[in-house]
Amino acid sequence: MTVLVTGAAKRIGRAIALRLHRQGMRVLIHYSTSEAEARRTAEECGNAPVYRANLESVTEIRAMFHEIGRLDGLVNNAARFTKFDVMSIEEADWDYIHSVNLKAVFFCCQSAARMMQPTGRIVNISSLGGIRPWADHAHYCASKAGVIMLTKALAKALAPNITVNSVAPGVIPFSDKEAADPRVASMIRRTPMGRAGHADEIAEAVLFFLTAPDFITGQVMAVDGGLNLA
């Protein structure tokens, strides 16, 4: 199974790529600016092919998929995250988030679907922020809620040949400094499982959707220790 992971150079994308490689899949590594990290991830994935594309550009997205050729799976992981008081968000701030978090997800799905013959699997990484509102991240929450609804709409549009599902991570800090941030620490305390999540747990959920029966489509799996229930 050949699977493209966008934003695979670092953090959750890197964990997903490494997990899929351990599963025996042929992983394709996408990056935008983090070339050194992408090539390190690719080396750890058996010298996987590396592709660069600015996901703000539909032209570059389509060129990347044309270069790739046939594809069995796509993991839309690449995303941006910023914090703004809702009254200070400008058009550029909105577009900075939505151009990658939502628009690029659609056009990557469209490009991948054209290459998936006879069947394919798409997994979109959304967020707890697409399920629960965060006052200082209204633009981000809107983008990730859009990913969730896009997942459901595409699951209907691309059936029966292609499944489309989403994984919504909860709190996944990558350093003690991130975990110590007051807002992050508060979310961890409210998590019913009593801890933060790990990138490998997100990767396991992605692997599930890539290998699950094709009767599972249009679903959103919150991997958040139950925080969406709090």
Protein backbone atom coordinates (compact mmCIF):
# COMPACT_ATOMS: atom_id res chain seq x y z
CA MET A 1 0.00 0.00 0.00
CA THR A 2 1.45 3.37 -1.04
CA VAL A 3 0.40 6.25 1.23
CA LEU A 4 1.22 9.95 1.04
CA VAL A 5 1.46 11.77 4.37
CA THR A 6 1.37 15.56 4.13
CA GLY A 7 3.39 17.52 6.66
CA ALA A 8 5.34 14.39 7.50
CA ALA A 9 8.59 16.08 8.50
CA LYS A 10 7.77 16.66 12.15
CA ARG A 11 5.42 16.07 15.04
CA ILE A 12 2.26 14.05 14.36
CA GLY A 13 2.98 13.69 10.65
CA ARG A 14 6.37 12.17 11.37
CA ALA A 15 4.85 9.73 13.87
CA ILE A 16 2.25 8.67 11.31
CA ALA A 17 4.86 8.11 8.61
CA LEU A 18 7.05 6.02 10.89
CA ARG A 19 4.12 3.91 12.08
CA LEU A 20 2.92 3.20 8.54
CA HIS A 21 6.46 2.25 7.52
CA ARG A 22 6.67 -0.20 10.44
CA GLN A 23 3.41 -1.69 9.18
CA GLY A 24 5.08 -2.42 5.85
CA MET A 25 3.48 0.34 3.84
CA ARG A 26 5.32 2.38 1.22
CA VAL A 27 5.27 5.89 2.65
CA LEU A 28 5.65 9.09 0.64
CA ILE A 29 6.87 12.11 2.60
CA HIS A 30 5.53 15.59 1.88
CA TYR A 31 6.99 18.78 3.33
CA SER A 32 6.77 22.48 2.65
CA THR A 33 9.73 24.17 4.38
CA SER A 34 11.28 21.59 6.76
CA GLU A 35 13.49 19.82 4.25
CA ALA A 36 16.14 18.54 6.66
CA GLU A 37 13.54 17.05 9.00
CA ALA A 38 11.63 15.56 6.06
CA ARG A 39 14.72 13.83 4.73
CA ARG A 40 15.51 12.46 8.19
CA THR A 41 11.98 11.05 8.44
CA ALA A 42 12.28 9.64 4.93
CA GLU A 43 15.57 7.93 5.81
CA GLU A 44 13.91 6.31 8.84
CA CYS A 45 11.11 5.15 6.53
CA GLY A 46 13.45 3.12 4.36
CA ASN A 47 14.63 6.06 2.22
CA ALA A 48 11.08 6.95 1.29
CA PRO A 49 10.45 9.35 -1.60
CA VAL A 50 10.24 13.01 -0.58
CA TYR A 51 8.01 15.62 -2.23
CA ARG A 52 7.95 19.35 -1.65
CA ALA A 53 4.85 21.46 -2.27
CA ASN A 54 3.46 24.70 -0.91
CA LEU A 55 -0.05 23.58 -0.04
CA GLU A 56 -1.34 27.14 -0.36
CA SER A 57 -0.99 26.62 -4.10
CA VAL A 58 -3.42 24.34 -5.91
CA THR A 59 -1.01 24.35 -8.84
CA GLU A 60 1.76 22.92 -6.65
CA ILE A 61 -0.61 20.39 -5.09
CA ARG A 62 -1.62 19.08 -8.50
CA ALA A 63 1.97 19.02 -9.73
CA MET A 64 3.00 16.94 -6.70
CA PHE A 65 0.27 14.37 -7.28
CA HIS A 66 1.10 14.22 -10.98
CA GLU A 67 4.71 13.43 -10.03
CA ILE A 68 3.62 10.75 -7.58
CA GLY A 69 1.42 8.81 -9.98
CA ARG A 70 -0.60 5.93 -8.51
CA LEU A 71 -1.64 6.14 -4.87
CA ASP A 72 -3.55 3.87 -2.47
CA GLY A 73 -3.85 6.11 0.57
CA LEU A 74 -3.65 9.76 1.62
CA VAL A 75 -3.21 11.20 5.09
CA ASN A 76 -3.96 14.93 5.16
CA ASN A 77 -1.96 15.93 8.20
CA ALA A 78 -0.34 19.27 7.28
CA ALA A 79 -1.92 22.17 9.19
CA ARG A 80 -1.31 25.55 10.74
CA PHE A 81 -2.23 26.83 14.19
CA THR A 82 -2.32 30.41 15.46
CA LYS A 83 -3.95 32.26 18.35
CA PHE A 84 -5.83 35.55 18.00
CA ASP A 85 -8.43 37.50 19.89
CA VAL A 86 -11.48 37.20 17.66
CA MET A 87 -11.70 40.99 17.24
CA SER A 88 -8.13 41.23 15.96
CA ILE A 89 -8.32 38.60 13.18
CA GLU A 90 -7.63 40.09 9.77
CA GLU A 91 -8.25 38.63 6.33
CA ALA A 92 -4.61 37.55 6.02
CA ASP A 93 -4.81 35.71 9.37
CA TRP A 94 -7.96 33.89 8.25
CA ASP A 95 -6.50 32.96 4.87
CA TYR A 96 -3.20 31.82 6.42
CA ILE A 97 -5.08 29.14 8.35
CA HIS A 98 -7.80 28.17 5.89
CA SER A 99 -5.56 27.97 2.81
CA VAL A 100 -3.73 24.97 4.30
CA ASN A 101 -6.11 23.60 6.91
CA LEU A 102 -9.17 23.37 4.67
CA LYS A 103 -8.64 24.40 1.05
CA ALA A 104 -5.52 22.26 0.65
CA VAL A 105 -7.24 19.29 2.26
CA PHE A 106 -9.98 19.41 -0.36
CA PHE A 107 -7.64 19.73 -3.32
CA CYS A 108 -5.34 16.98 -2.00
CA CYS A 109 -8.38 14.72 -1.63
CA GLN A 110 -9.54 15.58 -5.14
CA SER A 111 -6.11 14.93 -6.65
CA ALA A 112 -5.66 11.68 -4.73
CA ALA A 113 -9.12 10.40 -5.65
CA ARG A 114 -8.28 10.76 -9.34
CA MET A 115 -5.29 8.45 -8.83
CA MET A 116 -6.83 5.80 -6.61
CA GLN A 117 -7.68 2.84 -8.82
CA PRO A 118 -9.65 0.76 -8.16
CA THR A 119 -9.98 1.69 -4.47
CA GLY A 120 -8.40 4.05 -1.97
CA ARG A 121 -8.35 5.30 1.62
CA ILE A 122 -8.23 8.92 2.78
CA VAL A 123 -7.69 9.99 6.38
CA ASN A 124 -8.01 13.67 7.28
CA ILE A 125 -6.49 14.91 10.53
CA SER A 126 -8.98 17.29 12.09
CA SER A 127 -8.84 18.38 15.73
CA LEU A 128 -10.67 18.56 19.01
CA GLY A 129 -10.91 22.23 18.01
CA GLY A 130 -13.24 21.17 15.22
CA ILE A 131 -15.57 19.61 17.79
CA ARG A 132 -15.28 21.99 20.74
CA PRO A 133 -15.07 25.82 20.40
CA TRP A 134 -11.94 27.63 21.56
CA ALA A 135 -12.47 31.37 21.99
CA ASP A 136 -8.95 32.43 20.99
CA HIS A 137 -8.86 30.12 17.97
CA ALA A 138 -12.13 30.84 16.17
CA HIS A 139 -10.46 30.82 12.74
CA TYR A 140 -8.65 27.55 13.48
CA CYS A 141 -11.77 25.89 14.92
CA ALA A 142 -13.73 26.89 11.84
CA SER A 143 -11.10 25.34 9.57
CA LYS A 144 -11.06 22.05 11.46
CA ALA A 145 -14.84 21.88 11.72
CA GLY A 146 -14.75 22.35 7.96
CA VAL A 147 -12.41 19.36 7.65
CA ILE A 148 -14.88 17.23 9.59
CA MET A 149 -17.81 18.19 7.38
CA LEU A 150 -15.66 17.88 4.26
CA THR A 151 -14.75 14.35 5.38
CA LYS A 152 -18.42 13.42 5.63
CA ALA A 153 -19.36 15.02 2.31
CA LEU A 154 -16.46 13.36 0.47
CA ALA A 155 -17.29 10.00 2.05
CA LYS A 156 -20.63 10.20 0.27
CA ALA A 157 -19.25 11.67 -2.94
CA LEU A 158 -16.40 9.16 -3.35
CA ALA A 159 -18.23 6.01 -2.26
CA PRO A 160 -18.16 3.11 -2.90
CA ASN A 161 -14.56 3.00 -4.12
CA ILE A 162 -12.84 5.36 -1.67
CA THR A 163 -13.31 5.63 2.09
CA VAL A 164 -12.84 9.00 3.80
CA ASN A 165 -12.49 9.26 7.58
CA SER A 166 -11.03 11.68 10.10
CA VAL A 167 -8.94 11.50 13.26
CA ALA A 168 -9.42 14.37 15.74
CA PRO A 169 -6.46 14.61 18.14
CA GLY A 170 -6.79 16.02 21.62
CA VAL A 171 -3.88 17.44 23.60
CA ILE A 172 -0.61 16.13 22.13
CA PRO A 173 2.32 18.14 23.55
CA PHE A 174 5.76 17.54 22.10
CA SER A 175 7.85 19.00 24.92
CA ASP A 176 7.67 19.74 28.62
CA LYS A 177 7.41 23.42 27.73
CA GLU A 178 4.31 22.80 25.62
CA ALA A 179 2.75 20.67 28.35
CA ALA A 180 3.45 23.39 30.93
CA ASP A 181 1.56 26.08 29.02
CA PRO A 182 -1.29 27.08 31.37
CA ARG A 183 -4.02 26.47 28.79
CA VAL A 184 -2.58 23.12 27.75
CA ALA A 185 -2.08 22.07 31.37
CA SER A 186 -5.71 22.98 32.12
CA MET A 187 -6.92 20.81 29.22
CA ILE A 188 -4.79 17.89 30.42
CA ARG A 189 -6.31 18.20 33.90
CA ARG A 190 -9.80 18.08 32.38
CA THR A 191 -9.03 15.01 30.27
CA PRO A 192 -10.89 12.02 31.76
CA MET A 193 -7.95 9.69 31.10
CA GLY A 194 -5.82 11.93 33.29
CA ARG A 195 -2.97 12.57 30.88
CA ALA A 196 -1.95 14.09 27.57
CA GLY A 197 -1.92 12.01 24.42
CA HIS A 198 1.03 10.76 22.39
CA ALA A 199 1.66 11.13 18.67
CA ASP A 200 1.89 7.35 18.33
CA GLU A 201 -1.72 7.08 19.52
CA ILE A 202 -2.83 9.34 16.69
CA ALA A 203 -0.77 7.23 14.28
CA GLU A 204 -2.52 4.07 15.47
CA ALA A 205 -5.91 5.62 14.75
CA VAL A 206 -4.76 6.60 11.26
CA LEU A 207 -3.52 3.06 10.67
CA PHE A 208 -6.91 1.73 11.75
CA PHE A 209 -8.75 3.78 9.13
CA LEU A 210 -6.25 2.86 6.42
CA THR A 211 -6.74 -0.84 7.08
CA ALA A 212 -10.34 -1.00 8.36
CA PRO A 213 -13.20 -2.60 6.43
CA ASP A 214 -14.49 -0.37 3.65
CA PHE A 215 -17.88 -0.36 5.36
CA ILE A 216 -16.37 2.25 7.71
CA THR A 217 -16.47 5.67 6.05
CA GLY A 218 -17.44 9.23 6.93
CA GLN A 219 -16.43 8.72 10.56
CA VAL A 220 -14.62 11.03 12.98
CA MET A 221 -12.55 9.38 15.70
CA ALA A 222 -11.66 11.67 18.60
CA VAL A 223 -8.36 10.49 20.07
CA ASP A 224 -8.40 12.78 23.06
CA GLY A 225 -8.69 10.74 26.23
CA GLY A 226 -12.37 11.68 26.44
CA LEU A 227 -11.75 15.44 26.58
CA ASN A 228 -14.56 16.09 24.09
CA LEU A 229 -16.91 14.73 26.74
CA ALA A 230 -15.68 17.00 29.52
